[in-house]
Amino acid sequence: MISRSDALHMIQQTLTSLHDSGMLEKEVTVQDSTPLMGTGTSLDSLAFVNFITELEDRLNSETSRDNLLLVTEVAGWDGSCVALTAGALAEYISRVTS
């Protein structure tokens, strides 16, 4: 099981990796309210796909099993939300890895 706190840390590591690779122009400091998709995000669509892919790889490595992150299953996200936040994604990760 990945705790919410560990999930936020993995999200931060992944965003830092994207910044280090040049995929993100500015470094992102993760907080619960940090937008990952939608209004206010630093990630364009290509960066978001790379973010999810790298985050899944980290989760698979940590849990020694295949994990698929399905944004449509994150609580509170229905496509009409203003933004998908790091906090909501961390909650989802904690739930699906338990």
PDB file of N, CA and C in Angstrom:
ATOM      1  N   MET A   1       0.842  -1.190   0.000  1.00  0.00           N
ATOM      2  CA  MET A   1       0.000   0.000   0.000  1.00  0.00           C
ATOM      3  C   MET A   1       0.883   1.248   0.000  1.00  0.00           C
ATOM      4  N   ILE A   2       0.504   2.186  -0.812  1.00  0.00           N
ATOM      5  CA  ILE A   2       1.183   3.480  -0.862  1.00  0.00           C
ATOM      6  C   ILE A   2       0.350   4.464  -0.042  1.00  0.00           C
ATOM      7  N   SER A   3       0.955   5.090   0.935  1.00  0.00           N
ATOM      8  CA  SER A   3       0.225   6.077   1.740  1.00  0.00           C
ATOM      9  C   SER A   3       0.006   7.343   0.910  1.00  0.00           C
ATOM     10  N   ARG A   4      -0.915   8.155   1.348  1.00  0.00           N
ATOM     11  CA  ARG A   4      -1.196   9.423   0.671  1.00  0.00           C
ATOM     12  C   ARG A   4       0.059  10.284   0.630  1.00  0.00           C
ATOM     13  N   SER A   5       0.763  10.319   1.735  1.00  0.00           N
ATOM     14  CA  SER A   5       1.998  11.100   1.833  1.00  0.00           C
ATOM     15  C   SER A   5       3.052  10.579   0.851  1.00  0.00           C
ATOM     16  N   ASP A   6       3.199   9.256   0.775  1.00  0.00           N
ATOM     17  CA  ASP A   6       4.144   8.664  -0.173  1.00  0.00           C
ATOM     18  C   ASP A   6       3.734   8.952  -1.611  1.00  0.00           C
ATOM     19  N   ALA A   7       2.435   8.941  -1.871  1.00  0.00           N
ATOM     20  CA  ALA A   7       1.943   9.237  -3.217  1.00  0.00           C
ATOM     21  C   ALA A   7       2.269  10.682  -3.597  1.00  0.00           C
ATOM     22  N   LEU A   8       2.076  11.606  -2.669  1.00  0.00           N
ATOM     23  CA  LEU A   8       2.433  13.008  -2.943  1.00  0.00           C
ATOM     24  C   LEU A   8       3.928  13.138  -3.218  1.00  0.00           C
ATOM     25  N   HIS A   9       4.728  12.385  -2.482  1.00  0.00           N
ATOM     26  CA  HIS A   9       6.175  12.400  -2.701  1.00  0.00           C
ATOM     27  C   HIS A   9       6.513  11.860  -4.092  1.00  0.00           C
ATOM     28  N   MET A  10       5.855  10.795  -4.518  1.00  0.00           N
ATOM     29  CA  MET A  10       6.078  10.240  -5.860  1.00  0.00           C
ATOM     30  C   MET A  10       5.650  11.227  -6.940  1.00  0.00           C
ATOM     31  N   ILE A  11       4.545  11.913  -6.703  1.00  0.00           N
ATOM     32  CA  ILE A  11       4.090  12.937  -7.650  1.00  0.00           C
ATOM     33  C   ILE A  11       5.149  14.025  -7.765  1.00  0.00           C
ATOM     34  N   GLN A  12       5.700  14.454  -6.619  1.00  0.00           N
ATOM     35  CA  GLN A  12       6.753  15.474  -6.639  1.00  0.00           C
ATOM     36  C   GLN A  12       7.984  14.983  -7.394  1.00  0.00           C
ATOM     37  N   GLN A  13       8.417  13.755  -7.122  1.00  0.00           N
ATOM     38  CA  GLN A  13       9.578  13.190  -7.812  1.00  0.00           C
ATOM     39  C   GLN A  13       9.356  13.154  -9.321  1.00  0.00           C
ATOM     40  N   THR A  14       8.168  12.780  -9.716  1.00  0.00           N
ATOM     41  CA  THR A  14       7.854  12.674 -11.139  1.00  0.00           C
ATOM     42  C   THR A  14       7.860  14.049 -11.806  1.00  0.00           C
ATOM     43  N   LEU A  15       7.277  15.036 -11.164  1.00  0.00           N
ATOM     44  CA  LEU A  15       7.275  16.385 -11.726  1.00  0.00           C
ATOM     45  C   LEU A  15       8.691  16.959 -11.776  1.00  0.00           C
ATOM     46  N   THR A  16       9.498  16.678 -10.762  1.00  0.00           N
ATOM     47  CA  THR A  16      10.891  17.126 -10.759  1.00  0.00           C
ATOM     48  C   THR A  16      11.649  16.481 -11.911  1.00  0.00           C
ATOM     49  N   SER A  17      11.404  15.204 -12.148  1.00  0.00           N
ATOM     50  CA  SER A  17      12.045  14.502 -13.257  1.00  0.00           C
ATOM     51  C   SER A  17      11.655  15.126 -14.601  1.00  0.00           C
ATOM     52  N   LEU A  18      10.385  15.472 -14.756  1.00  0.00           N
ATOM     53  CA  LEU A  18       9.939  16.122 -15.993  1.00  0.00           C
ATOM     54  C   LEU A  18      10.599  17.482 -16.170  1.00  0.00           C
ATOM     55  N   HIS A  19      10.757  18.208 -15.089  1.00  0.00           N
ATOM     56  CA  HIS A  19      11.443  19.500 -15.157  1.00  0.00           C
ATOM     57  C   HIS A  19      12.905  19.311 -15.535  1.00  0.00           C
ATOM     58  N   ASP A  20      13.559  18.344 -14.895  1.00  0.00           N
ATOM     59  CA  ASP A  20      14.974  18.079 -15.167  1.00  0.00           C
ATOM     60  C   ASP A  20      15.212  17.654 -16.618  1.00  0.00           C
ATOM     61  N   SER A  21      14.221  16.988 -17.215  1.00  0.00           N
ATOM     62  CA  SER A  21      14.356  16.537 -18.602  1.00  0.00           C
ATOM     63  C   SER A  21      14.001  17.631 -19.605  1.00  0.00           C
ATOM     64  N   GLY A  22      13.507  18.758 -19.123  1.00  0.00           N
ATOM     65  CA  GLY A  22      13.137  19.859 -20.006  1.00  0.00           C
ATOM     66  C   GLY A  22      11.688  19.820 -20.455  1.00  0.00           C
ATOM     67  N   MET A  23      10.926  18.850 -19.983  1.00  0.00           N
ATOM     68  CA  MET A  23       9.516  18.726 -20.361  1.00  0.00           C
ATOM     69  C   MET A  23       8.677  19.843 -19.723  1.00  0.00           C
ATOM     70  N   LEU A  24       9.094  20.299 -18.530  1.00  0.00           N
ATOM     71  CA  LEU A  24       8.430  21.418 -17.853  1.00  0.00           C
ATOM     72  C   LEU A  24       9.397  22.581 -17.768  1.00  0.00           C
ATOM     73  N   GLU A  25       8.916  23.771 -18.105  1.00  0.00           N
ATOM     74  CA  GLU A  25       9.776  24.948 -18.068  1.00  0.00           C
ATOM     75  C   GLU A  25      10.148  25.352 -16.651  1.00  0.00           C
ATOM     76  N   LYS A  26       9.163  25.338 -15.750  1.00  0.00           N
ATOM     77  CA  LYS A  26       9.443  25.745 -14.373  1.00  0.00           C
ATOM     78  C   LYS A  26       9.203  24.588 -13.423  1.00  0.00           C
ATOM     79  N   GLU A  27       9.950  24.606 -12.342  1.00  0.00           N
ATOM     80  CA  GLU A  27       9.824  23.562 -11.329  1.00  0.00           C
ATOM     81  C   GLU A  27       8.498  23.724 -10.591  1.00  0.00           C
ATOM     82  N   VAL A  28       7.863  22.613 -10.275  1.00  0.00           N
ATOM     83  CA  VAL A  28       6.574  22.610  -9.586  1.00  0.00           C
ATOM     84  C   VAL A  28       6.772  22.052  -8.185  1.00  0.00           C
ATOM     85  N   THR A  29       6.279  22.780  -7.187  1.00  0.00           N
ATOM     86  CA  THR A  29       6.292  22.302  -5.815  1.00  0.00           C
ATOM     87  C   THR A  29       4.899  21.767  -5.508  1.00  0.00           C
ATOM     88  N   VAL A  30       4.830  20.489  -5.182  1.00  0.00           N
ATOM     89  CA  VAL A  30       3.538  19.816  -5.007  1.00  0.00           C
ATOM     90  C   VAL A  30       2.938  20.122  -3.642  1.00  0.00           C
ATOM     91  N   GLN A  31       1.678  20.530  -3.697  1.00  0.00           N
ATOM     92  CA  GLN A  31       0.816  20.671  -2.535  1.00  0.00           C
ATOM     93  C   GLN A  31      -0.491  19.992  -2.896  1.00  0.00           C
ATOM     94  N   ASP A  32      -1.376  19.787  -1.927  1.00  0.00           N
ATOM     95  CA  ASP A  32      -2.666  19.151  -2.211  1.00  0.00           C
ATOM     96  C   ASP A  32      -3.398  19.841  -3.351  1.00  0.00           C
ATOM     97  N   SER A  33      -3.326  21.158  -3.391  1.00  0.00           N
ATOM     98  CA  SER A  33      -4.092  21.939  -4.362  1.00  0.00           C
ATOM     99  C   SER A  33      -3.384  22.133  -5.703  1.00  0.00           C
ATOM    100  N   THR A  34      -2.190  21.559  -5.884  1.00  0.00           N
ATOM    101  CA  THR A  34      -1.454  21.724  -7.136  1.00  0.00           C
ATOM    102  C   THR A  34      -2.241  21.098  -8.289  1.00  0.00           C
ATOM    103  N   PRO A  35      -2.608  21.901  -9.296  1.00  0.00           N
ATOM    104  CA  PRO A  35      -3.354  21.350 -10.425  1.00  0.00           C
ATOM    105  C   PRO A  35      -2.451  20.548 -11.361  1.00  0.00           C
ATOM    106  N   LEU A  36      -2.902  19.355 -11.728  1.00  0.00           N
ATOM    107  CA  LEU A  36      -2.156  18.495 -12.642  1.00  0.00           C
ATOM    108  C   LEU A  36      -2.817  18.449 -14.016  1.00  0.00           C
ATOM    109  N   MET A  37      -4.102  18.711 -14.047  1.00  0.00           N
ATOM    110  CA  MET A  37      -4.856  18.753 -15.303  1.00  0.00           C
ATOM    111  C   MET A  37      -5.947  19.801 -15.132  1.00  0.00           C
ATOM    112  N   GLY A  38      -6.161  20.583 -16.159  1.00  0.00           N
ATOM    113  CA  GLY A  38      -7.216  21.589 -16.109  1.00  0.00           C
ATOM    114  C   GLY A  38      -6.655  22.967 -15.836  1.00  0.00           C
ATOM    115  N   THR A  39      -7.483  23.822 -15.313  1.00  0.00           N
ATOM    116  CA  THR A  39      -7.142  25.214 -15.066  1.00  0.00           C
ATOM    117  C   THR A  39      -5.942  25.350 -14.132  1.00  0.00           C
ATOM    118  N   GLY A  40      -4.940  26.095 -14.564  1.00  0.00           N
ATOM    119  CA  GLY A  40      -3.797  26.417 -13.729  1.00  0.00           C
ATOM    120  C   GLY A  40      -2.644  25.432 -13.755  1.00  0.00           C
ATOM    121  N   THR A  41      -2.736  24.380 -14.552  1.00  0.00           N
ATOM    122  CA  THR A  41      -1.661  23.389 -14.575  1.00  0.00           C
ATOM    123  C   THR A  41      -0.447  23.886 -15.360  1.00  0.00           C
ATOM    124  N   SER A  42       0.719  23.371 -14.999  1.00  0.00           N
ATOM    125  CA  SER A  42       1.958  23.651 -15.728  1.00  0.00           C
ATOM    126  C   SER A  42       2.213  22.612 -16.811  1.00  0.00           C
ATOM    127  N   LEU A  43       1.396  21.572 -16.840  1.00  0.00           N
ATOM    128  CA  LEU A  43       1.603  20.474 -17.783  1.00  0.00           C
ATOM    129  C   LEU A  43       0.716  20.642 -19.021  1.00  0.00           C
ATOM    130  N   ASP A  44       1.339  20.590 -20.200  1.00  0.00           N
ATOM    131  CA  ASP A  44       0.534  20.514 -21.415  1.00  0.00           C
ATOM    132  C   ASP A  44       0.139  19.052 -21.601  1.00  0.00           C
ATOM    133  N   SER A  45      -0.594  18.745 -22.660  1.00  0.00           N
ATOM    134  CA  SER A  45      -1.109  17.378 -22.823  1.00  0.00           C
ATOM    135  C   SER A  45       0.008  16.346 -22.947  1.00  0.00           C
ATOM    136  N   LEU A  46       1.077  16.671 -23.658  1.00  0.00           N
ATOM    137  CA  LEU A  46       2.197  15.734 -23.797  1.00  0.00           C
ATOM    138  C   LEU A  46       2.909  15.526 -22.456  1.00  0.00           C
ATOM    139  N   ALA A  47       3.113  16.599 -21.726  1.00  0.00           N
ATOM    140  CA  ALA A  47       3.752  16.485 -20.414  1.00  0.00           C
ATOM    141  C   ALA A  47       2.879  15.680 -19.456  1.00  0.00           C
ATOM    142  N   PHE A  48       1.547  15.836 -19.549  1.00  0.00           N
ATOM    143  CA  PHE A  48       0.654  15.079 -18.675  1.00  0.00           C
ATOM    144  C   PHE A  48       0.743  13.589 -18.964  1.00  0.00           C
ATOM    145  N   VAL A  49       0.771  13.220 -20.236  1.00  0.00           N
ATOM    146  CA  VAL A  49       0.899  11.804 -20.605  1.00  0.00           C
ATOM    147  C   VAL A  49       2.208  11.244 -20.073  1.00  0.00           C
ATOM    148  N   ASN A  50       3.300  11.990 -20.242  1.00  0.00           N
ATOM    149  CA  ASN A  50       4.595  11.554 -19.715  1.00  0.00           C
ATOM    150  C   ASN A  50       4.572  11.469 -18.198  1.00  0.00           C
ATOM    151  N   PHE A  51       3.889  12.402 -17.545  1.00  0.00           N
ATOM    152  CA  PHE A  51       3.763  12.407 -16.092  1.00  0.00           C
ATOM    153  C   PHE A  51       3.066  11.126 -15.614  1.00  0.00           C
ATOM    154  N   ILE A  52       1.918  10.809 -16.205  1.00  0.00           N
ATOM    155  CA  ILE A  52       1.164   9.613 -15.793  1.00  0.00           C
ATOM    156  C   ILE A  52       1.976   8.351 -16.052  1.00  0.00           C
ATOM    157  N   THR A  53       2.629   8.282 -17.208  1.00  0.00           N
ATOM    158  CA  THR A  53       3.422   7.105 -17.554  1.00  0.00           C
ATOM    159  C   THR A  53       4.570   6.899 -16.564  1.00  0.00           C
ATOM    160  N   GLU A  54       5.280   7.969 -16.261  1.00  0.00           N
ATOM    161  CA  GLU A  54       6.406   7.856 -15.316  1.00  0.00           C
ATOM    162  C   GLU A  54       5.905   7.546 -13.904  1.00  0.00           C
ATOM    163  N   LEU A  55       4.794   8.149 -13.519  1.00  0.00           N
ATOM    164  CA  LEU A  55       4.231   7.872 -12.195  1.00  0.00           C
ATOM    165  C   LEU A  55       3.798   6.415 -12.082  1.00  0.00           C
ATOM    166  N   GLU A  56       3.183   5.877 -13.127  1.00  0.00           N
ATOM    167  CA  GLU A  56       2.820   4.452 -13.123  1.00  0.00           C
ATOM    168  C   GLU A  56       4.063   3.580 -12.990  1.00  0.00           C
ATOM    169  N   ASP A  57       5.134   3.932 -13.704  1.00  0.00           N
ATOM    170  CA  ASP A  57       6.388   3.174 -13.600  1.00  0.00           C
ATOM    171  C   ASP A  57       6.915   3.183 -12.172  1.00  0.00           C
ATOM    172  N   ARG A  58       6.872   4.336 -11.525  1.00  0.00           N
ATOM    173  CA  ARG A  58       7.326   4.434 -10.135  1.00  0.00           C
ATOM    174  C   ARG A  58       6.460   3.565  -9.219  1.00  0.00           C
ATOM    175  N   LEU A  59       5.148   3.624  -9.417  1.00  0.00           N
ATOM    176  CA  LEU A  59       4.239   2.805  -8.605  1.00  0.00           C
ATOM    177  C   LEU A  59       4.482   1.321  -8.824  1.00  0.00           C
ATOM    178  N   ASN A  60       4.666   0.926 -10.073  1.00  0.00           N
ATOM    179  CA  ASN A  60       4.917  -0.480 -10.380  1.00  0.00           C
ATOM    180  C   ASN A  60       6.198  -0.961  -9.714  1.00  0.00           C
ATOM    181  N   SER A  61       7.195  -0.124  -9.723  1.00  0.00           N
ATOM    182  CA  SER A  61       8.473  -0.457  -9.108  1.00  0.00           C
ATOM    183  C   SER A  61       8.322  -0.581  -7.584  1.00  0.00           C
ATOM    184  N   GLU A  62       7.592   0.346  -7.014  1.00  0.00           N
ATOM    185  CA  GLU A  62       7.412   0.380  -5.559  1.00  0.00           C
ATOM    186  C   GLU A  62       6.552  -0.778  -5.056  1.00  0.00           C
ATOM    187  N   THR A  63       5.523  -1.128  -5.807  1.00  0.00           N
ATOM    188  CA  THR A  63       4.582  -2.150  -5.347  1.00  0.00           C
ATOM    189  C   THR A  63       4.834  -3.532  -5.939  1.00  0.00           C
ATOM    190  N   SER A  64       5.736  -3.625  -6.896  1.00  0.00           N
ATOM    191  CA  SER A  64       6.031  -4.883  -7.591  1.00  0.00           C
ATOM    192  C   SER A  64       4.792  -5.493  -8.244  1.00  0.00           C
ATOM    193  N   ARG A  65       3.933  -4.650  -8.762  1.00  0.00           N
ATOM    194  CA  ARG A  65       2.765  -5.100  -9.514  1.00  0.00           C
ATOM    195  C   ARG A  65       2.377  -4.020 -10.518  1.00  0.00           C
ATOM    196  N   ASP A  66       1.567  -4.413 -11.505  1.00  0.00           N
ATOM    197  CA  ASP A  66       1.120  -3.449 -12.510  1.00  0.00           C
ATOM    198  C   ASP A  66      -0.001  -2.586 -11.940  1.00  0.00           C
ATOM    199  N   ASN A  67       0.189  -1.282 -12.050  1.00  0.00           N
ATOM    200  CA  ASN A  67      -0.820  -0.324 -11.608  1.00  0.00           C
ATOM    201  C   ASN A  67      -1.167   0.570 -12.784  1.00  0.00           C
ATOM    202  N   LEU A  68      -2.448   0.715 -13.051  1.00  0.00           N
ATOM    203  CA  LEU A  68      -2.915   1.631 -14.081  1.00  0.00           C
ATOM    204  C   LEU A  68      -3.616   2.787 -13.402  1.00  0.00           C
ATOM    205  N   LEU A  69      -3.225   3.993 -13.744  1.00  0.00           N
ATOM    206  CA  LEU A  69      -3.869   5.179 -13.190  1.00  0.00           C
ATOM    207  C   LEU A  69      -4.939   5.639 -14.165  1.00  0.00           C
ATOM    208  N   LEU A  70      -6.180   5.521 -13.770  1.00  0.00           N
ATOM    209  CA  LEU A  70      -7.309   5.908 -14.604  1.00  0.00           C
ATOM    210  C   LEU A  70      -7.897   7.203 -14.056  1.00  0.00           C
ATOM    211  N   VAL A  71      -7.594   8.284 -14.725  1.00  0.00           N
ATOM    212  CA  VAL A  71      -8.011   9.604 -14.254  1.00  0.00           C
ATOM    213  C   VAL A  71      -9.519   9.673 -14.053  1.00  0.00           C
ATOM    214  N   THR A  72     -10.259   8.967 -14.873  1.00  0.00           N
ATOM    215  CA  THR A  72     -11.723   8.997 -14.749  1.00  0.00           C
ATOM    216  C   THR A  72     -12.217   8.347 -13.466  1.00  0.00           C
ATOM    217  N   GLU A  73     -11.353   7.620 -12.760  1.00  0.00           N
ATOM    218  CA  GLU A  73     -11.751   6.981 -11.506  1.00  0.00           C
ATOM    219  C   GLU A  73     -11.328   7.759 -10.260  1.00  0.00           C
ATOM    220  N   VAL A  74     -10.647   8.878 -10.454  1.00  0.00           N
ATOM    221  CA  VAL A  74     -10.239   9.704  -9.316  1.00  0.00           C
ATOM    222  C   VAL A  74     -11.504  10.351  -8.750  1.00  0.00           C
ATOM    223  N   ALA A  75     -11.706  10.208  -7.445  1.00  0.00           N
ATOM    224  CA  ALA A  75     -12.897  10.753  -6.795  1.00  0.00           C
ATOM    225  C   ALA A  75     -13.018  12.252  -7.056  1.00  0.00           C
ATOM    226  N   GLY A  76     -14.180  12.645  -7.480  1.00  0.00           N
ATOM    227  CA  GLY A  76     -14.425  14.067  -7.710  1.00  0.00           C
ATOM    228  C   GLY A  76     -14.064  14.549  -9.100  1.00  0.00           C
ATOM    229  N   TRP A  77     -13.423  13.715  -9.906  1.00  0.00           N
ATOM    230  CA  TRP A  77     -13.053  14.135 -11.265  1.00  0.00           C
ATOM    231  C   TRP A  77     -14.054  13.537 -12.237  1.00  0.00           C
ATOM    232  N   ASP A  78     -14.739  14.388 -12.958  1.00  0.00           N
ATOM    233  CA  ASP A  78     -15.700  13.882 -13.939  1.00  0.00           C
ATOM    234  C   ASP A  78     -15.516  14.538 -15.298  1.00  0.00           C
ATOM    235  N   GLY A  79     -14.401  15.207 -15.488  1.00  0.00           N
ATOM    236  CA  GLY A  79     -14.136  15.861 -16.759  1.00  0.00           C
ATOM    237  C   GLY A  79     -14.664  17.279 -16.816  1.00  0.00           C
ATOM    238  N   SER A  80     -15.629  17.600 -15.954  1.00  0.00           N
ATOM    239  CA  SER A  80     -16.148  18.967 -15.924  1.00  0.00           C
ATOM    240  C   SER A  80     -15.549  19.758 -14.759  1.00  0.00           C
ATOM    241  N   CYS A  81     -14.704  19.103 -13.965  1.00  0.00           N
ATOM    242  CA  CYS A  81     -14.051  19.768 -12.842  1.00  0.00           C
ATOM    243  C   CYS A  81     -13.088  20.828 -13.367  1.00  0.00           C
ATOM    244  N   VAL A  82     -12.824  21.803 -12.544  1.00  0.00           N
ATOM    245  CA  VAL A  82     -11.897  22.855 -12.924  1.00  0.00           C
ATOM    246  C   VAL A  82     -10.485  22.307 -13.041  1.00  0.00           C
ATOM    247  N   ALA A  83     -10.089  21.392 -12.149  1.00  0.00           N
ATOM    248  CA  ALA A  83      -8.732  20.853 -12.194  1.00  0.00           C
ATOM    249  C   ALA A  83      -8.648  19.530 -11.452  1.00  0.00           C
ATOM    250  N   LEU A  84      -7.731  18.692 -11.905  1.00  0.00           N
ATOM    251  CA  LEU A  84      -7.359  17.482 -11.174  1.00  0.00           C
ATOM    252  C   LEU A  84      -6.176  17.885 -10.309  1.00  0.00           C
ATOM    253  N   THR A  85      -6.298  17.730  -9.000  1.00  0.00           N
ATOM    254  CA  THR A  85      -5.239  18.176  -8.097  1.00  0.00           C
ATOM    255  C   THR A  85      -4.351  17.027  -7.645  1.00  0.00           C
ATOM    256  N   ALA A  86      -3.165  17.386  -7.179  1.00  0.00           N
ATOM    257  CA  ALA A  86      -2.230  16.397  -6.652  1.00  0.00           C
ATOM    258  C   ALA A  86      -2.833  15.678  -5.450  1.00  0.00           C
ATOM    259  N   GLY A  87      -3.557  16.392  -4.616  1.00  0.00           N
ATOM    260  CA  GLY A  87      -4.188  15.775  -3.450  1.00  0.00           C
ATOM    261  C   GLY A  87      -5.199  14.718  -3.839  1.00  0.00           C
ATOM    262  N   ALA A  88      -6.034  15.004  -4.837  1.00  0.00           N
ATOM    263  CA  ALA A  88      -7.033  14.039  -5.298  1.00  0.00           C
ATOM    264  C   ALA A  88      -6.355  12.822  -5.919  1.00  0.00           C
ATOM    265  N   LEU A  89      -5.292  13.040  -6.682  1.00  0.00           N
ATOM    266  CA  LEU A  89      -4.562  11.932  -7.291  1.00  0.00           C
ATOM    267  C   LEU A  89      -3.871  11.089  -6.220  1.00  0.00           C
ATOM    268  N   ALA A  90      -3.310  11.731  -5.199  1.00  0.00           N
ATOM    269  CA  ALA A  90      -2.650  11.002  -4.108  1.00  0.00           C
ATOM    270  C   ALA A  90      -3.649  10.127  -3.360  1.00  0.00           C
ATOM    271  N   GLU A  91      -4.853  10.648  -3.113  1.00  0.00           N
ATOM    272  CA  GLU A  91      -5.907   9.858  -2.464  1.00  0.00           C
ATOM    273  C   GLU A  91      -6.247   8.632  -3.305  1.00  0.00           C
ATOM    274  N   TYR A  92      -6.380   8.831  -4.602  1.00  0.00           N
ATOM    275  CA  TYR A  92      -6.711   7.753  -5.521  1.00  0.00           C
ATOM    276  C   TYR A  92      -5.607   6.691  -5.511  1.00  0.00           C
ATOM    277  N   ILE A  93      -4.350   7.117  -5.585  1.00  0.00           N
ATOM    278  CA  ILE A  93      -3.227   6.177  -5.568  1.00  0.00           C
ATOM    279  C   ILE A  93      -3.229   5.352  -4.285  1.00  0.00           C
ATOM    280  N   SER A  94      -3.449   6.013  -3.170  1.00  0.00           N
ATOM    281  CA  SER A  94      -3.497   5.316  -1.889  1.00  0.00           C
ATOM    282  C   SER A  94      -4.610   4.269  -1.889  1.00  0.00           C
ATOM    283  N   ARG A  95      -5.746   4.630  -2.444  1.00  0.00           N
ATOM    284  CA  ARG A  95      -6.901   3.714  -2.478  1.00  0.00           C
ATOM    285  C   ARG A  95      -6.647   2.513  -3.384  1.00  0.00           C
ATOM    286  N   VAL A  96      -6.105   2.740  -4.589  1.00  0.00           N
ATOM    287  CA  VAL A  96      -5.961   1.630  -5.542  1.00  0.00           C
ATOM    288  C   VAL A  96      -4.757   0.732  -5.234  1.00  0.00           C
ATOM    289  N   THR A  97      -3.856   1.172  -4.382  1.00  0.00           N
ATOM    290  CA  THR A  97      -2.714   0.333  -4.034  1.00  0.00           C
ATOM    291  C   THR A  97      -2.901  -0.384  -2.701  1.00  0.00           C
ATOM    292  N   SER A  98      -4.060  -0.207  -2.082  1.00  0.00           N
ATOM    293  CA  SER A  98      -4.279  -0.859  -0.782  1.00  0.00           C
ATOM    294  C   SER A  98      -4.667  -2.298  -0.945  1.00  0.00           C
TER     295      SER A  98
END
